[in-house]
Structure formats: structure tokens, C-alpha cells
């Protein structure tokens, strides 16, 4: 299988291609073998698994995935890096390199990525050093897919990891963290120093693991609607629930809704736990829909 690439290897490959890391795509290559092995171990890969990698880069992680998984689908938007990665895994027929964006628009999975989720015969897992610029929308889109990956293991900016695991009444608490709680079991595996990447980013990163919560199609549909609705509440997170709802449906309906839910209208969105949000939205959705 293709070997792990050091910082020297990556610099040489880019120099030979007349290229350099591009800030536009949030390119920071993971060069620390210890943290890459930790990511691979967390994924618990087997030959029955289909792996999605977003951000192939020069193919360093791609090659290691090829040695462990039955199928690898890797996505790279940078055409120069895609060619480098393709050469690195040229002897791996079970690796498919998709040249293009993993997202179609801001929050929708690209057709090729969605097809991998729907068509794979065995478990699908995400294992990736995620590009900083698309990490959050990509993860939310994957979590809310009809057939999400059973496991997602990735490196991400530390501040984004903190949003995914934030608790109520904190600055980082919001829709992203609630989506994670409703749709997956999340775990921060390690803090990754800036020096583990080349070029080093300005901030620390974290290794994360999300394990899908199995649920029925109606339950998953409800969770998606809850995520969309809670996002609207958090657009004015410092206002009270009563104030927000009154602006949407009027005072009478807002008071009725809060009363039915036994919810104190003076509370703010960031104060509700994930369970409180789920129960409140279950009661509120019908009235909100009829009032719109």
C-alpha cells in the first residue's frame, strides 16, 4: 500500500507540481503519524467498510485508508492535488478519486457523495482531515442524510469541535451541537497541536469521533426538522423564547404554545438542554407550521 507522507515528501510533491497550499481551500496537511494512526484506530476499519475521505490532499491518508478498507471514495476540489493523490494511489483499484467539491452549494451533499451513501452494500464511514472551510456544513449535511455514515472520525478546528460538544449556557452552544446530540454520540479524542500540520494553521485542532444513532426514517425526518427550526431560534439567541415566538406568530399563539409546553417564556435559546429542545419542538412544530 502507498506509504505515509512526511512534510518533506509533501513539500517536494507540491514543488514538483508548481503548487503551494491554498488558503482558499483551508489546506493544512496532517503530517503527524501518531495522530493519523489515532484517527485510523478510532474508525475501526475492516474490508467490509466503504470509507469516504473529504480532502484527499496529496493522498497520504488515502493510501493508509486503502490498506484497511474494502472501498475508498476520496474527494478533492483542488485539481493539482487531485492529480498528485491519483498518482499516489494509482495501484489501488478499490480507491475512487472524485475530482470536485463534496458539497453542492452551502449545505447539500454533492451528488457523487450522496450516491456513495445510498449505494454502498456495507457500512460507510467518514475518515478525514477535513478542510477547515467546509467542515461544519459537511458534517451537518452528513448527519442529516437519509443514510448517514455509521461512524465519522476526523480532524477539525478546535473551536468547531467545542461547538459540536458544547453544553447549555455557553457561548459555543447552538444548532451544530444540538444536531450532534440528536443524531450521534460524539467524542473528542485528542487535541492536535499546530505543529502536526504543514503549513501550521493559526489555531489548534481536535480529533473527533461521531457514532450514528440508529433511528427510523420518521424519527430522522423529525430530527432534521428540529435542526432547521432550532437554527431559527438561535439567530436571535440573546432574546427570550417569548420575544422570538411573538415575533413569529403573535403574542396569543406564543403564550398558548409556551403554556402547553410548560416552558418559561423568559428563558433564552442557549439555556435549553437537548432533551428540553426536543420535547418543546415536538409540541411547537404543528402550531408554528399552521401559523406560517
C-alpha atoms as a PDB file:
ATOM      1  CA  UNK A   1       0.000   0.000   0.000  1.00  0.00           C
ATOM      2  CA  UNK A   2       1.151   3.617  -0.550  1.00  0.00           C
ATOM      3  CA  UNK A   3       3.357   4.973   2.253  1.00  0.00           C
ATOM      4  CA  UNK A   4       2.715   7.754   4.756  1.00  0.00           C
ATOM      5  CA  UNK A   5       3.961  11.126   3.516  1.00  0.00           C
ATOM      6  CA  UNK A   6       6.193  13.333   5.640  1.00  0.00           C
ATOM      7  CA  UNK A   7       6.289  17.136   5.466  1.00  0.00           C
ATOM      8  CA  UNK A   8       9.364  16.836   3.255  1.00  0.00           C
ATOM      9  CA  UNK A   9       7.515  14.483   0.898  1.00  0.00           C
ATOM     10  CA  UNK A  10       4.546  16.837   0.603  1.00  0.00           C
ATOM     11  CA  UNK A  11       6.698  19.906   0.021  1.00  0.00           C
ATOM     12  CA  UNK A  12       8.582  18.039  -2.701  1.00  0.00           C
ATOM     13  CA  UNK A  13       5.373  16.888  -4.395  1.00  0.00           C
ATOM     14  CA  UNK A  14       3.957  20.392  -4.398  1.00  0.00           C
ATOM     15  CA  UNK A  15       7.200  21.931  -5.629  1.00  0.00           C
ATOM     16  CA  UNK A  16       7.400  19.441  -8.498  1.00  0.00           C
ATOM     17  CA  UNK A  17       3.814  20.340  -9.431  1.00  0.00           C
ATOM     18  CA  UNK A  18       4.487  24.073  -9.188  1.00  0.00           C
ATOM     19  CA  UNK A  19       1.882  24.368  -6.446  1.00  0.00           C
ATOM     20  CA  UNK A  20       1.576  25.584  -2.882  1.00  0.00           C
ATOM     21  CA  UNK A  21      -1.040  25.165  -0.100  1.00  0.00           C
ATOM     22  CA  UNK A  22      -4.105  27.262  -0.879  1.00  0.00           C
ATOM     23  CA  UNK A  23      -5.799  29.267   1.882  1.00  0.00           C
ATOM     24  CA  UNK A  24      -8.966  29.355  -0.223  1.00  0.00           C
ATOM     25  CA  UNK A  25      -9.487  25.649   0.443  1.00  0.00           C
ATOM     26  CA  UNK A  26      -8.203  25.613   4.022  1.00  0.00           C
ATOM     27  CA  UNK A  27      -5.300  23.328   3.103  1.00  0.00           C
ATOM     28  CA  UNK A  28      -3.237  22.149   6.067  1.00  0.00           C
ATOM     29  CA  UNK A  29      -1.755  18.676   5.581  1.00  0.00           C
ATOM     30  CA  UNK A  30      -1.654  16.305   8.558  1.00  0.00           C
ATOM     31  CA  UNK A  31       1.980  15.211   8.878  1.00  0.00           C
ATOM     32  CA  UNK A  32       1.963  13.719  12.394  1.00  0.00           C
ATOM     33  CA  UNK A  33       1.861   9.921  12.065  1.00  0.00           C
ATOM     34  CA  UNK A  34       0.805   9.449  15.695  1.00  0.00           C
ATOM     35  CA  UNK A  35      -2.372  11.484  15.251  1.00  0.00           C
ATOM     36  CA  UNK A  36      -3.097   9.931  11.868  1.00  0.00           C
ATOM     37  CA  UNK A  37      -2.824   6.449  13.415  1.00  0.00           C
ATOM     38  CA  UNK A  38      -5.128   7.582  16.228  1.00  0.00           C
ATOM     39  CA  UNK A  39      -7.683   8.660  13.612  1.00  0.00           C
ATOM     40  CA  UNK A  40      -7.428   5.316  11.835  1.00  0.00           C
ATOM     41  CA  UNK A  41      -7.748   3.352  15.073  1.00  0.00           C
ATOM     42  CA  UNK A  42     -10.869   5.272  16.049  1.00  0.00           C
ATOM     43  CA  UNK A  43     -12.506   4.341  12.749  1.00  0.00           C
ATOM     44  CA  UNK A  44     -12.086   0.571  13.398  1.00  0.00           C
ATOM     45  CA  UNK A  45     -11.928  -0.171   9.682  1.00  0.00           C
ATOM     46  CA  UNK A  46     -12.431  -3.542   8.024  1.00  0.00           C
ATOM     47  CA  UNK A  47     -12.560  -4.855   4.467  1.00  0.00           C
ATOM     48  CA  UNK A  48     -16.356  -4.699   4.657  1.00  0.00           C
ATOM     49  CA  UNK A  49     -16.269  -0.918   5.074  1.00  0.00           C
ATOM     50  CA  UNK A  50     -16.657   1.778   2.463  1.00  0.00           C
ATOM     51  CA  UNK A  51     -14.742   4.884   3.500  1.00  0.00           C
ATOM     52  CA  UNK A  52     -15.411   8.471   2.486  1.00  0.00           C
ATOM     53  CA  UNK A  53     -12.498  10.882   2.712  1.00  0.00           C
ATOM     54  CA  UNK A  54     -13.056  14.582   2.048  1.00  0.00           C
ATOM     55  CA  UNK A  55      -9.875  16.488   1.298  1.00  0.00           C
ATOM     56  CA  UNK A  56      -7.549  13.902  -0.225  1.00  0.00           C
ATOM     57  CA  UNK A  57      -4.711  16.398  -0.404  1.00  0.00           C
ATOM     58  CA  UNK A  58      -1.637  14.611  -1.716  1.00  0.00           C
ATOM     59  CA  UNK A  59      -3.081  11.207  -0.803  1.00  0.00           C
ATOM     60  CA  UNK A  60      -1.188  10.442   2.413  1.00  0.00           C
ATOM     61  CA  UNK A  61      -4.217   9.420   4.476  1.00  0.00           C
ATOM     62  CA  UNK A  62      -5.876   7.999   1.352  1.00  0.00           C
ATOM     63  CA  UNK A  63      -3.097   5.442   0.967  1.00  0.00           C
ATOM     64  CA  UNK A  64      -3.391   4.329   4.586  1.00  0.00           C
ATOM     65  CA  UNK A  65      -7.164   4.004   4.229  1.00  0.00           C
ATOM     66  CA  UNK A  66      -6.647   1.869   1.127  1.00  0.00           C
ATOM     67  CA  UNK A  67      -4.684  -0.601   3.225  1.00  0.00           C
ATOM     68  CA  UNK A  68      -7.548  -1.094   5.667  1.00  0.00           C
ATOM     69  CA  UNK A  69     -10.926  -0.614   3.932  1.00  0.00           C
ATOM     70  CA  UNK A  70     -12.722  -2.517   1.201  1.00  0.00           C
ATOM     71  CA  UNK A  71     -13.593   0.633  -0.777  1.00  0.00           C
ATOM     72  CA  UNK A  72     -12.347   4.215  -0.513  1.00  0.00           C
ATOM     73  CA  UNK A  73     -14.063   7.216  -2.092  1.00  0.00           C
ATOM     74  CA  UNK A  74     -11.952  10.324  -1.714  1.00  0.00           C
ATOM     75  CA  UNK A  75     -12.899  13.845  -2.749  1.00  0.00           C
ATOM     76  CA  UNK A  76     -10.504  16.637  -3.712  1.00  0.00           C
ATOM     77  CA  UNK A  77     -11.550  20.002  -5.137  1.00  0.00           C
ATOM     78  CA  UNK A  78      -8.021  21.189  -5.970  1.00  0.00           C
ATOM     79  CA  UNK A  79      -7.190  19.801  -9.413  1.00  0.00           C
ATOM     80  CA  UNK A  80      -3.429  19.862  -8.842  1.00  0.00           C
ATOM     81  CA  UNK A  81      -3.668  17.981  -5.552  1.00  0.00           C
ATOM     82  CA  UNK A  82      -6.121  15.540  -7.109  1.00  0.00           C
ATOM     83  CA  UNK A  83      -3.521  14.599  -9.728  1.00  0.00           C
ATOM     84  CA  UNK A  84      -0.861  14.125  -7.055  1.00  0.00           C
ATOM     85  CA  UNK A  85      -3.196  11.960  -4.972  1.00  0.00           C
ATOM     86  CA  UNK A  86      -4.206   9.933  -8.031  1.00  0.00           C
ATOM     87  CA  UNK A  87      -0.576   9.030  -8.700  1.00  0.00           C
ATOM     88  CA  UNK A  88      -0.045   8.131  -5.039  1.00  0.00           C
ATOM     89  CA  UNK A  89      -2.874   5.564  -5.074  1.00  0.00           C
ATOM     90  CA  UNK A  90      -2.575   4.517  -8.717  1.00  0.00           C
ATOM     91  CA  UNK A  91      -2.006   0.875  -7.732  1.00  0.00           C
ATOM     92  CA  UNK A  92      -5.144   0.737  -5.565  1.00  0.00           C
ATOM     93  CA  UNK A  93      -8.103  -0.255  -7.781  1.00  0.00           C
ATOM     94  CA  UNK A  94     -10.511  -0.084  -4.849  1.00  0.00           C
ATOM     95  CA  UNK A  95      -9.874   3.669  -4.437  1.00  0.00           C
ATOM     96  CA  UNK A  96     -12.069   6.091  -6.382  1.00  0.00           C
ATOM     97  CA  UNK A  97     -10.889   9.683  -6.587  1.00  0.00           C
ATOM     98  CA  UNK A  98     -13.673  12.224  -7.119  1.00  0.00           C
ATOM     99  CA  UNK A  99     -12.360  15.485  -8.544  1.00  0.00           C
ATOM    100  CA  UNK A 100     -14.619  18.199  -7.220  1.00  0.00           C
ATOM    101  CA  UNK A 101     -16.429  19.605  -4.198  1.00  0.00           C
ATOM    102  CA  UNK A 102     -18.038  17.298  -1.642  1.00  0.00           C
ATOM    103  CA  UNK A 103     -20.836  19.838  -1.257  1.00  0.00           C
ATOM    104  CA  UNK A 104     -23.285  21.123  -3.840  1.00  0.00           C
ATOM    105  CA  UNK A 105     -23.915  24.630  -2.591  1.00  0.00           C
ATOM    106  CA  UNK A 106     -23.535  25.606   1.047  1.00  0.00           C
ATOM    107  CA  UNK A 107     -25.206  22.707   2.823  1.00  0.00           C
ATOM    108  CA  UNK A 108     -26.167  19.963   0.348  1.00  0.00           C
ATOM    109  CA  UNK A 109     -24.092  16.875  -0.332  1.00  0.00           C
ATOM    110  CA  UNK A 110     -22.672  16.588  -3.831  1.00  0.00           C
ATOM    111  CA  UNK A 111     -24.424  14.010  -5.979  1.00  0.00           C
ATOM    112  CA  UNK A 112     -21.366  11.726  -6.061  1.00  0.00           C
ATOM    113  CA  UNK A 113     -21.029  11.722  -2.262  1.00  0.00           C
ATOM    114  CA  UNK A 114     -24.756  11.123  -1.727  1.00  0.00           C
ATOM    115  CA  UNK A 115     -24.554   8.201  -4.164  1.00  0.00           C
ATOM    116  CA  UNK A 116     -21.825   6.563  -2.074  1.00  0.00           C
ATOM    117  CA  UNK A 117     -24.083   6.691   0.991  1.00  0.00           C
ATOM    118  CA  UNK A 118     -27.065   5.222  -0.853  1.00  0.00           C
ATOM    119  CA  UNK A 119     -25.306   2.591  -2.947  1.00  0.00           C
ATOM    120  CA  UNK A 120     -22.768   1.074  -0.556  1.00  0.00           C
ATOM    121  CA  UNK A 121     -23.620  -2.509   0.378  1.00  0.00           C
ATOM    122  CA  UNK A 122     -21.821  -2.432   3.735  1.00  0.00           C
ATOM    123  CA  UNK A 123     -21.050   0.105   6.468  1.00  0.00           C
ATOM    124  CA  UNK A 124     -19.982   3.591   5.324  1.00  0.00           C
ATOM    125  CA  UNK A 125     -17.531   5.590   7.431  1.00  0.00           C
ATOM    126  CA  UNK A 126     -16.044   9.057   7.093  1.00  0.00           C
ATOM    127  CA  UNK A 127     -12.332   9.309   7.886  1.00  0.00           C
ATOM    128  CA  UNK A 128     -10.723  12.614   7.005  1.00  0.00           C
ATOM    129  CA  UNK A 129      -8.514  15.549   7.814  1.00  0.00           C
ATOM    130  CA  UNK A 130     -11.376  17.904   6.993  1.00  0.00           C
ATOM    131  CA  UNK A 131     -10.662  21.159   5.150  1.00  0.00           C
ATOM    132  CA  UNK A 132     -11.399  23.977   7.569  1.00  0.00           C
ATOM    133  CA  UNK A 133     -13.656  25.906   5.189  1.00  0.00           C
ATOM    134  CA  UNK A 134     -16.339  23.218   4.740  1.00  0.00           C
ATOM    135  CA  UNK A 135     -16.075  21.122   7.909  1.00  0.00           C
ATOM    136  CA  UNK A 136     -19.216  22.301   9.725  1.00  0.00           C
ATOM    137  CA  UNK A 137     -21.678  22.317   6.794  1.00  0.00           C
ATOM    138  CA  UNK A 138     -20.331  18.988   5.562  1.00  0.00           C
ATOM    139  CA  UNK A 139     -20.737  17.286   8.934  1.00  0.00           C
ATOM    140  CA  UNK A 140     -24.255  18.641   9.385  1.00  0.00           C
ATOM    141  CA  UNK A 141     -25.213  17.505   5.874  1.00  0.00           C
ATOM    142  CA  UNK A 142     -23.832  14.011   6.535  1.00  0.00           C
ATOM    143  CA  UNK A 143     -25.540  13.742   9.921  1.00  0.00           C
ATOM    144  CA  UNK A 144     -28.890  14.673   8.385  1.00  0.00           C
ATOM    145  CA  UNK A 145     -28.629  12.376   5.357  1.00  0.00           C
ATOM    146  CA  UNK A 146     -31.192   9.590   4.992  1.00  0.00           C
ATOM    147  CA  UNK A 147     -28.360   7.056   5.372  1.00  0.00           C
ATOM    148  CA  UNK A 148     -25.612   8.780   7.368  1.00  0.00           C
ATOM    149  CA  UNK A 149     -22.188   7.174   7.850  1.00  0.00           C
ATOM    150  CA  UNK A 150     -22.211   4.770  10.780  1.00  0.00           C
ATOM    151  CA  UNK A 151     -19.058   6.431  12.091  1.00  0.00           C
ATOM    152  CA  UNK A 152     -17.238   9.677  11.391  1.00  0.00           C
ATOM    153  CA  UNK A 153     -13.652  10.202  12.528  1.00  0.00           C
ATOM    154  CA  UNK A 154     -11.942  13.434  11.572  1.00  0.00           C
ATOM    155  CA  UNK A 155      -9.662  16.289  12.467  1.00  0.00           C
ATOM    156  CA  UNK A 156     -11.276  19.692  12.770  1.00  0.00           C
ATOM    157  CA  UNK A 157     -10.543  23.122  14.195  1.00  0.00           C
ATOM    158  CA  UNK A 158     -10.627  23.001  17.981  1.00  0.00           C
ATOM    159  CA  UNK A 159     -13.192  25.803  18.159  1.00  0.00           C
ATOM    160  CA  UNK A 160     -15.509  23.846  15.847  1.00  0.00           C
ATOM    161  CA  UNK A 161     -15.062  20.722  17.973  1.00  0.00           C
ATOM    162  CA  UNK A 162     -16.046  22.788  21.008  1.00  0.00           C
ATOM    163  CA  UNK A 163     -19.239  23.889  19.253  1.00  0.00           C
ATOM    164  CA  UNK A 164     -20.092  20.257  18.476  1.00  0.00           C
ATOM    165  CA  UNK A 165     -19.737  19.250  22.131  1.00  0.00           C
ATOM    166  CA  UNK A 166     -20.817  22.463  23.888  1.00  0.00           C
ATOM    167  CA  UNK A 167     -23.134  22.453  26.899  1.00  0.00           C
ATOM    168  CA  UNK A 168     -26.107  24.760  27.534  1.00  0.00           C
ATOM    169  CA  UNK A 169     -25.471  28.308  28.761  1.00  0.00           C
ATOM    170  CA  UNK A 170     -22.130  28.535  26.993  1.00  0.00           C
ATOM    171  CA  UNK A 171     -21.081  30.726  24.091  1.00  0.00           C
ATOM    172  CA  UNK A 172     -20.434  27.733  21.808  1.00  0.00           C
ATOM    173  CA  UNK A 173     -23.795  26.040  22.403  1.00  0.00           C
ATOM    174  CA  UNK A 174     -26.053  26.097  19.367  1.00  0.00           C
ATOM    175  CA  UNK A 175     -27.601  24.244  16.411  1.00  0.00           C
ATOM    176  CA  UNK A 176     -24.447  22.330  15.452  1.00  0.00           C
ATOM    177  CA  UNK A 177     -24.065  20.842  18.912  1.00  0.00           C
ATOM    178  CA  UNK A 178     -27.768  20.056  19.174  1.00  0.00           C
ATOM    179  CA  UNK A 179     -27.692  18.273  15.811  1.00  0.00           C
ATOM    180  CA  UNK A 180     -24.792  16.158  17.069  1.00  0.00           C
ATOM    181  CA  UNK A 181     -26.638  15.252  20.270  1.00  0.00           C
ATOM    182  CA  UNK A 182     -29.824  14.308  18.448  1.00  0.00           C
ATOM    183  CA  UNK A 183     -28.183  12.325  15.666  1.00  0.00           C
ATOM    184  CA  UNK A 184     -24.903  10.905  17.005  1.00  0.00           C
ATOM    185  CA  UNK A 185     -22.784  10.055  20.008  1.00  0.00           C
ATOM    186  CA  UNK A 186     -19.845  12.463  19.912  1.00  0.00           C
ATOM    187  CA  UNK A 187     -16.413  12.169  21.484  1.00  0.00           C
ATOM    188  CA  UNK A 188     -13.343  14.365  21.367  1.00  0.00           C
ATOM    189  CA  UNK A 189     -10.364  12.036  21.069  1.00  0.00           C
ATOM    190  CA  UNK A 190      -7.423  14.412  21.265  1.00  0.00           C
ATOM    191  CA  UNK A 191      -6.209  17.973  20.916  1.00  0.00           C
ATOM    192  CA  UNK A 192      -3.864  18.283  17.941  1.00  0.00           C
ATOM    193  CA  UNK A 193      -1.116  20.940  18.074  1.00  0.00           C
ATOM    194  CA  UNK A 194      -0.485  23.316  15.194  1.00  0.00           C
ATOM    195  CA  UNK A 195       2.845  21.588  14.536  1.00  0.00           C
ATOM    196  CA  UNK A 196       1.040  18.387  13.490  1.00  0.00           C
ATOM    197  CA  UNK A 197       0.150  20.094  10.205  1.00  0.00           C
ATOM    198  CA  UNK A 198       2.015  21.648   7.325  1.00  0.00           C
ATOM    199  CA  UNK A 199       1.720  24.509   6.859  1.00  0.00           C
ATOM    200  CA  UNK A 200       0.786  25.006  10.510  1.00  0.00           C
ATOM    201  CA  UNK A 201      -2.641  26.627  10.960  1.00  0.00           C
ATOM    202  CA  UNK A 202      -3.178  29.575  13.271  1.00  0.00           C
ATOM    203  CA  UNK A 203      -5.286  27.524  15.684  1.00  0.00           C
ATOM    204  CA  UNK A 204      -5.204  24.130  17.378  1.00  0.00           C
ATOM    205  CA  UNK A 205      -7.238  21.253  16.027  1.00  0.00           C
ATOM    206  CA  UNK A 206      -9.023  18.288  17.554  1.00  0.00           C
ATOM    207  CA  UNK A 207      -9.674  14.679  16.612  1.00  0.00           C
ATOM    208  CA  UNK A 208     -13.368  13.813  16.831  1.00  0.00           C
ATOM    209  CA  UNK A 209     -15.462  10.671  16.547  1.00  0.00           C
ATOM    210  CA  UNK A 210     -19.204  10.668  15.869  1.00  0.00           C
ATOM    211  CA  UNK A 211     -21.127   7.398  16.022  1.00  0.00           C
ATOM    212  CA  UNK A 212     -24.528   7.426  14.355  1.00  0.00           C
ATOM    213  CA  UNK A 213     -27.619   6.925  16.482  1.00  0.00           C
ATOM    214  CA  UNK A 214     -29.800   4.403  14.672  1.00  0.00           C
ATOM    215  CA  UNK A 215     -33.384   5.558  14.247  1.00  0.00           C
ATOM    216  CA  UNK A 216     -36.354   5.071  11.966  1.00  0.00           C
ATOM    217  CA  UNK A 217     -36.888   7.181   8.853  1.00  0.00           C
ATOM    218  CA  UNK A 218     -39.689   9.211  10.529  1.00  0.00           C
ATOM    219  CA  UNK A 219     -37.501   9.826  13.568  1.00  0.00           C
ATOM    220  CA  UNK A 220     -34.642  11.018  11.357  1.00  0.00           C
ATOM    221  CA  UNK A 221     -37.043  13.276   9.469  1.00  0.00           C
ATOM    222  CA  UNK A 222     -38.244  14.766  12.764  1.00  0.00           C
ATOM    223  CA  UNK A 223     -34.659  15.380  13.832  1.00  0.00           C
ATOM    224  CA  UNK A 224     -33.942  17.213  10.576  1.00  0.00           C
ATOM    225  CA  UNK A 225     -36.965  19.454  11.083  1.00  0.00           C
ATOM    226  CA  UNK A 226     -35.869  20.133  14.653  1.00  0.00           C
ATOM    227  CA  UNK A 227     -32.389  21.163  13.496  1.00  0.00           C
ATOM    228  CA  UNK A 228     -33.833  23.585  10.955  1.00  0.00           C
ATOM    229  CA  UNK A 229     -36.235  25.094  13.462  1.00  0.00           C
ATOM    230  CA  UNK A 230     -33.732  25.431  16.274  1.00  0.00           C
ATOM    231  CA  UNK A 231     -31.404  27.215  13.873  1.00  0.00           C
ATOM    232  CA  UNK A 232     -34.071  29.906  13.511  1.00  0.00           C
ATOM    233  CA  UNK A 233     -34.332  30.315  17.284  1.00  0.00           C
ATOM    234  CA  UNK A 234     -30.572  30.725  17.647  1.00  0.00           C
ATOM    235  CA  UNK A 235     -30.440  33.502  15.053  1.00  0.00           C
ATOM    236  CA  UNK A 236     -31.546  35.727  17.950  1.00  0.00           C
ATOM    237  CA  UNK A 237     -30.063  33.681  20.767  1.00  0.00           C
ATOM    238  CA  UNK A 238     -29.998  36.535  23.301  1.00  0.00           C
ATOM    239  CA  UNK A 239     -33.738  37.173  23.054  1.00  0.00           C
ATOM    240  CA  UNK A 240     -36.252  35.274  25.175  1.00  0.00           C
ATOM    241  CA  UNK A 241     -38.364  32.468  23.772  1.00  0.00           C
ATOM    242  CA  UNK A 242     -41.458  34.586  24.322  1.00  0.00           C
ATOM    243  CA  UNK A 243     -39.997  37.503  22.371  1.00  0.00           C
ATOM    244  CA  UNK A 244     -38.883  35.263  19.482  1.00  0.00           C
ATOM    245  CA  UNK A 245     -42.188  33.417  19.226  1.00  0.00           C
ATOM    246  CA  UNK A 246     -44.248  36.596  19.479  1.00  0.00           C
ATOM    247  CA  UNK A 247     -42.374  37.970  16.511  1.00  0.00           C
ATOM    248  CA  UNK A 248     -43.225  34.842  14.528  1.00  0.00           C
ATOM    249  CA  UNK A 249     -46.818  34.026  15.481  1.00  0.00           C
ATOM    250  CA  UNK A 250     -48.145  36.829  17.691  1.00  0.00           C
ATOM    251  CA  UNK A 251     -48.498  37.106  21.450  1.00  0.00           C
ATOM    252  CA  UNK A 252     -51.623  34.964  21.888  1.00  0.00           C
ATOM    253  CA  UNK A 253     -50.258  31.957  19.982  1.00  0.00           C
ATOM    254  CA  UNK A 254     -46.842  32.349  21.614  1.00  0.00           C
ATOM    255  CA  UNK A 255     -48.354  32.338  25.110  1.00  0.00           C
ATOM    256  CA  UNK A 256     -50.526  29.319  24.239  1.00  0.00           C
ATOM    257  CA  UNK A 257     -47.585  27.400  22.856  1.00  0.00           C
ATOM    258  CA  UNK A 258     -45.358  28.119  25.835  1.00  0.00           C
ATOM    259  CA  UNK A 259     -48.162  27.224  28.226  1.00  0.00           C
ATOM    260  CA  UNK A 260     -48.850  23.899  26.516  1.00  0.00           C
ATOM    261  CA  UNK A 261     -45.164  23.066  26.783  1.00  0.00           C
ATOM    262  CA  UNK A 262     -44.898  24.243  30.416  1.00  0.00           C
ATOM    263  CA  UNK A 263     -41.979  26.376  29.214  1.00  0.00           C
ATOM    264  CA  UNK A 264     -40.920  29.624  30.900  1.00  0.00           C
ATOM    265  CA  UNK A 265     -41.033  32.215  28.124  1.00  0.00           C
ATOM    266  CA  UNK A 266     -38.293  34.230  29.822  1.00  0.00           C
ATOM    267  CA  UNK A 267     -35.734  31.566  29.013  1.00  0.00           C
ATOM    268  CA  UNK A 268     -33.296  32.087  26.144  1.00  0.00           C
ATOM    269  CA  UNK A 269     -32.420  29.520  23.430  1.00  0.00           C
ATOM    270  CA  UNK A 270     -28.986  28.787  24.871  1.00  0.00           C
ATOM    271  CA  UNK A 271     -30.472  27.727  28.229  1.00  0.00           C
ATOM    272  CA  UNK A 272     -32.470  24.710  26.995  1.00  0.00           C
ATOM    273  CA  UNK A 273     -30.897  21.258  27.058  1.00  0.00           C
ATOM    274  CA  UNK A 274     -31.067  18.988  24.015  1.00  0.00           C
ATOM    275  CA  UNK A 275     -33.888  16.987  25.618  1.00  0.00           C
ATOM    276  CA  UNK A 276     -35.826  20.133  26.510  1.00  0.00           C
ATOM    277  CA  UNK A 277     -35.474  21.401  22.947  1.00  0.00           C
ATOM    278  CA  UNK A 278     -36.673  18.114  21.503  1.00  0.00           C
ATOM    279  CA  UNK A 279     -39.774  17.997  23.730  1.00  0.00           C
ATOM    280  CA  UNK A 280     -40.565  21.671  23.151  1.00  0.00           C
ATOM    281  CA  UNK A 281     -40.205  21.435  19.371  1.00  0.00           C
ATOM    282  CA  UNK A 282     -42.330  18.289  19.257  1.00  0.00           C
ATOM    283  CA  UNK A 283     -45.210  20.301  20.735  1.00  0.00           C
ATOM    284  CA  UNK A 284     -44.412  23.534  18.905  1.00  0.00           C
ATOM    285  CA  UNK A 285     -43.941  22.390  15.317  1.00  0.00           C
ATOM    286  CA  UNK A 286     -47.599  21.953  14.444  1.00  0.00           C
ATOM    287  CA  UNK A 287     -48.609  25.365  15.785  1.00  0.00           C
ATOM    288  CA  UNK A 288     -45.676  27.085  14.161  1.00  0.00           C
ATOM    289  CA  UNK A 289     -46.413  25.432  10.816  1.00  0.00           C
ATOM    290  CA  UNK A 290     -50.110  26.397  10.924  1.00  0.00           C
ATOM    291  CA  UNK A 291     -49.263  29.986  11.810  1.00  0.00           C
ATOM    292  CA  UNK A 292     -46.896  30.464   8.867  1.00  0.00           C
END
